[in-house]
Amino acid sequence: MKGNGAVQYAIMEFIKQRNPDQLIWSPVKTKTVNPVTGRITNPEGRKEVYEIFAIKSLFPLYVSVKANEWIRRDIYDRDYVSKGYPAIPVNMTTSSNSVEKKKLLQNIRSI
């Protein structure tokens, strides 16, 4: 497996094995040039790829109260909902509509 798919697969396997309380990642912030192809990496593009992956595959099992930081749902329900953050609808799953999940996530992050 190559590219982003390998990283996403590794994240999912890590979650299955370790069930971590939180996930934090930091996308590359500087542009680099691939010495073989001469292509320039786009750090903003990579950041967007991981955001889309997280919304589709992790949310609402993991919830993000700010970019690049995701906490396990039970922790969010326990520590954040009581502080006024919106509750995740009980019928929302990882396979729910991504547009609706993205709207809810934006609402959560705006608090």
N, C-alpha and C. Protein backbone atom coordinates (compact mmCIF):
# COMPACT_ATOMS: atom_id res chain seq x y z
N MET A 1 0.85 -1.18 0.00
CA MET A 1 0.00 0.00 0.00
C MET A 1 0.89 1.24 0.00
N LYS A 2 0.52 2.23 -0.80
CA LYS A 2 1.35 3.42 -0.92
C LYS A 2 0.55 4.66 -0.53
N GLY A 3 1.29 5.72 -0.22
CA GLY A 3 0.68 7.03 -0.05
C GLY A 3 -0.22 7.16 1.16
N ASN A 4 -1.19 8.06 1.02
CA ASN A 4 -2.09 8.36 2.13
C ASN A 4 -2.84 7.14 2.63
N GLY A 5 -3.21 6.24 1.73
CA GLY A 5 -3.95 5.05 2.13
C GLY A 5 -3.20 4.24 3.16
N ALA A 6 -1.89 4.16 3.04
CA ALA A 6 -1.09 3.41 4.00
C ALA A 6 -1.14 4.06 5.38
N VAL A 7 -1.07 5.35 5.41
CA VAL A 7 -1.13 6.07 6.69
C VAL A 7 -2.51 5.91 7.32
N GLN A 8 -3.54 6.04 6.52
CA GLN A 8 -4.90 5.89 7.04
C GLN A 8 -5.14 4.47 7.56
N TYR A 9 -4.64 3.48 6.84
CA TYR A 9 -4.75 2.10 7.28
C TYR A 9 -4.01 1.93 8.62
N ALA A 10 -2.84 2.50 8.73
CA ALA A 10 -2.06 2.39 9.96
C ALA A 10 -2.78 3.05 11.13
N ILE A 11 -3.41 4.18 10.90
CA ILE A 11 -4.18 4.85 11.95
C ILE A 11 -5.32 3.95 12.42
N MET A 12 -6.05 3.39 11.47
CA MET A 12 -7.18 2.52 11.83
C MET A 12 -6.70 1.28 12.60
N GLU A 13 -5.61 0.68 12.19
CA GLU A 13 -5.08 -0.48 12.90
C GLU A 13 -4.62 -0.09 14.31
N PHE A 14 -4.01 1.06 14.45
CA PHE A 14 -3.59 1.55 15.76
C PHE A 14 -4.80 1.72 16.67
N ILE A 15 -5.86 2.30 16.14
CA ILE A 15 -7.08 2.50 16.93
C ILE A 15 -7.67 1.16 17.35
N LYS A 16 -7.73 0.20 16.43
CA LYS A 16 -8.28 -1.12 16.76
C LYS A 16 -7.49 -1.79 17.88
N GLN A 17 -6.16 -1.67 17.84
CA GLN A 17 -5.32 -2.36 18.80
C GLN A 17 -5.20 -1.63 20.13
N ARG A 18 -5.16 -0.30 20.09
CA ARG A 18 -4.86 0.45 21.30
C ARG A 18 -6.02 1.23 21.90
N ASN A 19 -7.06 1.53 21.11
CA ASN A 19 -8.19 2.32 21.58
C ASN A 19 -7.72 3.56 22.35
N PRO A 20 -6.90 4.42 21.72
CA PRO A 20 -6.31 5.55 22.45
C PRO A 20 -7.36 6.58 22.87
N ASP A 21 -7.06 7.29 23.95
CA ASP A 21 -7.95 8.36 24.42
C ASP A 21 -8.02 9.49 23.41
N GLN A 22 -6.90 9.77 22.77
CA GLN A 22 -6.90 10.86 21.80
C GLN A 22 -5.89 10.58 20.69
N LEU A 23 -6.12 11.27 19.58
CA LEU A 23 -5.23 11.21 18.43
C LEU A 23 -4.85 12.65 18.09
N ILE A 24 -3.59 12.89 17.92
CA ILE A 24 -3.12 14.22 17.53
C ILE A 24 -2.15 14.03 16.39
N TRP A 25 -2.33 14.80 15.34
CA TRP A 25 -1.36 14.76 14.25
C TRP A 25 -1.03 16.16 13.83
N SER A 26 0.09 16.28 13.21
CA SER A 26 0.56 17.58 12.74
C SER A 26 0.98 17.43 11.29
N PRO A 27 0.16 17.95 10.38
CA PRO A 27 0.52 17.85 8.97
C PRO A 27 1.82 18.62 8.68
N VAL A 28 2.50 18.19 7.65
CA VAL A 28 3.71 18.88 7.21
C VAL A 28 3.38 20.34 6.96
N LYS A 29 4.23 21.23 7.44
CA LYS A 29 3.95 22.65 7.29
C LYS A 29 4.78 23.33 6.21
N THR A 30 5.82 22.67 5.75
CA THR A 30 6.67 23.30 4.74
C THR A 30 6.59 22.53 3.43
N LYS A 31 6.76 23.24 2.36
CA LYS A 31 6.78 22.59 1.05
C LYS A 31 8.13 21.94 0.85
N THR A 32 8.11 20.77 0.23
CA THR A 32 9.35 20.08 -0.11
C THR A 32 9.26 19.63 -1.56
N VAL A 33 10.41 19.33 -2.12
CA VAL A 33 10.47 18.87 -3.50
C VAL A 33 10.90 17.41 -3.50
N ASN A 34 10.12 16.56 -4.16
CA ASN A 34 10.47 15.16 -4.29
C ASN A 34 11.69 15.07 -5.20
N PRO A 35 12.81 14.51 -4.73
CA PRO A 35 14.03 14.48 -5.53
C PRO A 35 13.92 13.63 -6.80
N VAL A 36 13.00 12.68 -6.83
CA VAL A 36 12.84 11.81 -7.98
C VAL A 36 11.91 12.43 -9.03
N THR A 37 10.75 12.89 -8.58
CA THR A 37 9.75 13.40 -9.53
C THR A 37 9.82 14.90 -9.75
N GLY A 38 10.43 15.61 -8.79
CA GLY A 38 10.47 17.06 -8.88
C GLY A 38 9.18 17.73 -8.44
N ARG A 39 8.21 16.91 -8.01
CA ARG A 39 6.93 17.47 -7.57
C ARG A 39 7.08 18.16 -6.21
N ILE A 40 6.34 19.24 -6.06
CA ILE A 40 6.35 19.98 -4.80
C ILE A 40 5.16 19.53 -3.98
N THR A 41 5.41 19.21 -2.70
CA THR A 41 4.31 18.80 -1.84
C THR A 41 3.49 20.02 -1.45
N ASN A 42 2.22 19.80 -1.25
CA ASN A 42 1.31 20.86 -0.82
C ASN A 42 0.85 20.53 0.59
N PRO A 43 1.42 21.18 1.60
CA PRO A 43 1.05 20.84 2.97
C PRO A 43 -0.43 21.06 3.26
N GLU A 44 -1.04 22.07 2.67
CA GLU A 44 -2.46 22.31 2.89
C GLU A 44 -3.30 21.18 2.30
N GLY A 45 -2.87 20.65 1.16
CA GLY A 45 -3.57 19.53 0.54
C GLY A 45 -3.51 18.30 1.41
N ARG A 46 -2.37 18.01 1.98
CA ARG A 46 -2.21 16.85 2.86
C ARG A 46 -3.08 17.01 4.10
N LYS A 47 -3.09 18.21 4.65
CA LYS A 47 -3.92 18.49 5.82
C LYS A 47 -5.39 18.20 5.52
N GLU A 48 -5.85 18.62 4.34
CA GLU A 48 -7.24 18.40 3.94
C GLU A 48 -7.54 16.91 3.76
N VAL A 49 -6.60 16.17 3.21
CA VAL A 49 -6.78 14.72 3.02
C VAL A 49 -7.04 14.04 4.36
N TYR A 50 -6.26 14.38 5.37
CA TYR A 50 -6.42 13.74 6.68
C TYR A 50 -7.69 14.21 7.38
N GLU A 51 -8.07 15.45 7.16
CA GLU A 51 -9.32 15.94 7.73
C GLU A 51 -10.51 15.18 7.14
N ILE A 52 -10.50 15.00 5.83
CA ILE A 52 -11.58 14.26 5.17
C ILE A 52 -11.62 12.81 5.67
N PHE A 53 -10.45 12.20 5.76
CA PHE A 53 -10.37 10.83 6.27
C PHE A 53 -10.96 10.75 7.68
N ALA A 54 -10.60 11.68 8.55
CA ALA A 54 -11.06 11.64 9.93
C ALA A 54 -12.58 11.81 10.01
N ILE A 55 -13.11 12.74 9.22
CA ILE A 55 -14.56 12.95 9.23
C ILE A 55 -15.29 11.70 8.74
N LYS A 56 -14.79 11.10 7.68
CA LYS A 56 -15.45 9.92 7.12
C LYS A 56 -15.27 8.67 7.97
N SER A 57 -14.07 8.47 8.49
CA SER A 57 -13.74 7.18 9.12
C SER A 57 -13.71 7.19 10.64
N LEU A 58 -13.46 8.33 11.25
CA LEU A 58 -13.32 8.38 12.71
C LEU A 58 -14.51 9.01 13.43
N PHE A 59 -15.09 10.03 12.83
CA PHE A 59 -16.18 10.76 13.47
C PHE A 59 -17.48 9.99 13.30
N PRO A 60 -18.25 9.70 14.30
CA PRO A 60 -18.24 10.21 15.66
C PRO A 60 -17.60 9.29 16.71
N LEU A 61 -16.88 8.23 16.29
CA LEU A 61 -16.17 7.42 17.29
C LEU A 61 -15.11 8.25 18.00
N TYR A 62 -14.52 9.19 17.26
CA TYR A 62 -13.60 10.19 17.79
C TYR A 62 -14.15 11.54 17.38
N VAL A 63 -14.03 12.51 18.27
CA VAL A 63 -14.59 13.84 18.05
C VAL A 63 -13.45 14.85 18.15
N SER A 64 -13.49 15.86 17.30
CA SER A 64 -12.44 16.87 17.28
C SER A 64 -12.99 18.20 17.76
N VAL A 65 -12.45 18.69 18.88
CA VAL A 65 -12.87 20.01 19.37
C VAL A 65 -11.98 21.10 18.79
N LYS A 66 -10.86 20.72 18.19
CA LYS A 66 -10.02 21.63 17.42
C LYS A 66 -9.25 20.83 16.39
N ALA A 67 -8.84 21.51 15.34
CA ALA A 67 -8.19 20.83 14.21
C ALA A 67 -7.01 19.98 14.66
N ASN A 68 -6.91 18.81 14.06
CA ASN A 68 -5.80 17.87 14.27
C ASN A 68 -5.75 17.22 15.64
N GLU A 69 -6.79 17.41 16.45
CA GLU A 69 -6.87 16.76 17.76
C GLU A 69 -8.22 16.08 17.87
N TRP A 70 -8.20 14.78 18.05
CA TRP A 70 -9.41 13.98 18.11
C TRP A 70 -9.42 13.20 19.41
N ILE A 71 -10.54 13.24 20.12
CA ILE A 71 -10.67 12.50 21.38
C ILE A 71 -11.75 11.43 21.23
N ARG A 72 -11.58 10.38 22.01
CA ARG A 72 -12.54 9.28 21.96
C ARG A 72 -13.93 9.78 22.36
N ARG A 73 -14.94 9.24 21.76
CA ARG A 73 -16.32 9.69 21.94
C ARG A 73 -16.76 9.66 23.41
N ASP A 74 -16.43 8.61 24.14
CA ASP A 74 -16.87 8.54 25.53
C ASP A 74 -16.28 9.67 26.35
N ILE A 75 -15.07 10.08 26.04
CA ILE A 75 -14.44 11.20 26.74
C ILE A 75 -15.14 12.50 26.36
N TYR A 76 -15.44 12.66 25.07
CA TYR A 76 -16.18 13.85 24.62
C TYR A 76 -17.52 13.93 25.34
N ASP A 77 -18.27 12.83 25.34
CA ASP A 77 -19.58 12.82 25.99
C ASP A 77 -19.47 13.17 27.48
N ARG A 78 -18.47 12.65 28.13
CA ARG A 78 -18.31 12.87 29.57
C ARG A 78 -17.80 14.26 29.90
N ASP A 79 -16.78 14.73 29.18
CA ASP A 79 -16.09 15.96 29.57
C ASP A 79 -16.52 17.22 28.82
N TYR A 80 -17.09 17.08 27.65
CA TYR A 80 -17.40 18.26 26.84
C TYR A 80 -18.89 18.57 26.75
N VAL A 81 -19.72 17.56 26.61
CA VAL A 81 -21.16 17.81 26.49
C VAL A 81 -21.68 18.53 27.73
N SER A 82 -21.16 18.17 28.89
CA SER A 82 -21.61 18.82 30.13
C SER A 82 -21.19 20.30 30.19
N LYS A 83 -20.22 20.68 29.35
CA LYS A 83 -19.77 22.08 29.30
C LYS A 83 -20.49 22.87 28.21
N GLY A 84 -21.49 22.26 27.59
CA GLY A 84 -22.27 22.98 26.59
C GLY A 84 -21.97 22.63 25.14
N TYR A 85 -21.04 21.72 24.91
CA TYR A 85 -20.78 21.26 23.55
C TYR A 85 -21.96 20.41 23.10
N PRO A 86 -22.28 20.43 21.80
CA PRO A 86 -23.44 19.67 21.34
C PRO A 86 -23.25 18.16 21.48
N ALA A 87 -24.33 17.50 21.88
CA ALA A 87 -24.31 16.04 21.94
C ALA A 87 -24.34 15.49 20.52
N ILE A 88 -23.71 14.36 20.33
CA ILE A 88 -23.72 13.69 19.04
C ILE A 88 -25.03 12.91 18.94
N PRO A 89 -25.80 13.10 17.87
CA PRO A 89 -27.05 12.35 17.74
C PRO A 89 -26.79 10.84 17.82
N VAL A 90 -27.68 10.14 18.51
CA VAL A 90 -27.49 8.70 18.71
C VAL A 90 -27.50 7.92 17.40
N ASN A 91 -28.17 8.46 16.38
CA ASN A 91 -28.23 7.73 15.11
C ASN A 91 -27.07 8.07 14.17
N MET A 92 -26.14 8.93 14.61
CA MET A 92 -24.99 9.28 13.77
C MET A 92 -23.90 8.21 13.92
N THR A 93 -23.42 7.71 12.79
CA THR A 93 -22.37 6.69 12.79
C THR A 93 -21.27 7.13 11.83
N THR A 94 -20.22 6.33 11.76
CA THR A 94 -19.14 6.67 10.81
C THR A 94 -19.64 6.62 9.38
N SER A 95 -20.70 5.87 9.11
CA SER A 95 -21.22 5.81 7.74
C SER A 95 -22.32 6.83 7.46
N SER A 96 -22.61 7.71 8.41
CA SER A 96 -23.60 8.77 8.20
C SER A 96 -23.12 9.74 7.14
N ASN A 97 -24.02 10.57 6.67
CA ASN A 97 -23.74 11.57 5.65
C ASN A 97 -22.57 12.46 6.07
N SER A 98 -21.53 12.51 5.25
CA SER A 98 -20.33 13.29 5.58
C SER A 98 -20.60 14.78 5.67
N VAL A 99 -21.53 15.29 4.87
CA VAL A 99 -21.85 16.72 4.91
C VAL A 99 -22.44 17.07 6.27
N GLU A 100 -23.35 16.26 6.76
CA GLU A 100 -23.96 16.52 8.07
C GLU A 100 -22.93 16.37 9.19
N LYS A 101 -22.05 15.39 9.07
CA LYS A 101 -21.01 15.21 10.08
C LYS A 101 -20.08 16.42 10.08
N LYS A 102 -19.74 16.91 8.91
CA LYS A 102 -18.84 18.07 8.81
C LYS A 102 -19.48 19.31 9.43
N LYS A 103 -20.78 19.52 9.21
CA LYS A 103 -21.48 20.66 9.81
C LYS A 103 -21.46 20.57 11.33
N LEU A 104 -21.74 19.38 11.86
CA LEU A 104 -21.72 19.21 13.31
C LEU A 104 -20.32 19.44 13.85
N LEU A 105 -19.33 18.93 13.17
CA LEU A 105 -17.95 19.10 13.60
C LEU A 105 -17.55 20.58 13.61
N GLN A 106 -17.96 21.33 12.59
CA GLN A 106 -17.69 22.77 12.55
C GLN A 106 -18.37 23.47 13.73
N ASN A 107 -19.58 23.05 14.06
CA ASN A 107 -20.30 23.62 15.19
C ASN A 107 -19.55 23.32 16.49
N ILE A 108 -19.09 22.11 16.65
CA ILE A 108 -18.33 21.72 17.85
C ILE A 108 -17.07 22.57 17.96
N ARG A 109 -16.34 22.71 16.87
CA ARG A 109 -15.09 23.46 16.89
C ARG A 109 -15.27 24.96 17.08
N SER A 110 -16.47 25.46 16.83
CA SER A 110 -16.69 26.91 16.96
C SER A 110 -16.94 27.35 18.41
N ILE A 111 -17.10 26.39 19.30
CA ILE A 111 -17.38 26.73 20.70
C ILE A 111 -16.11 27.15 21.41
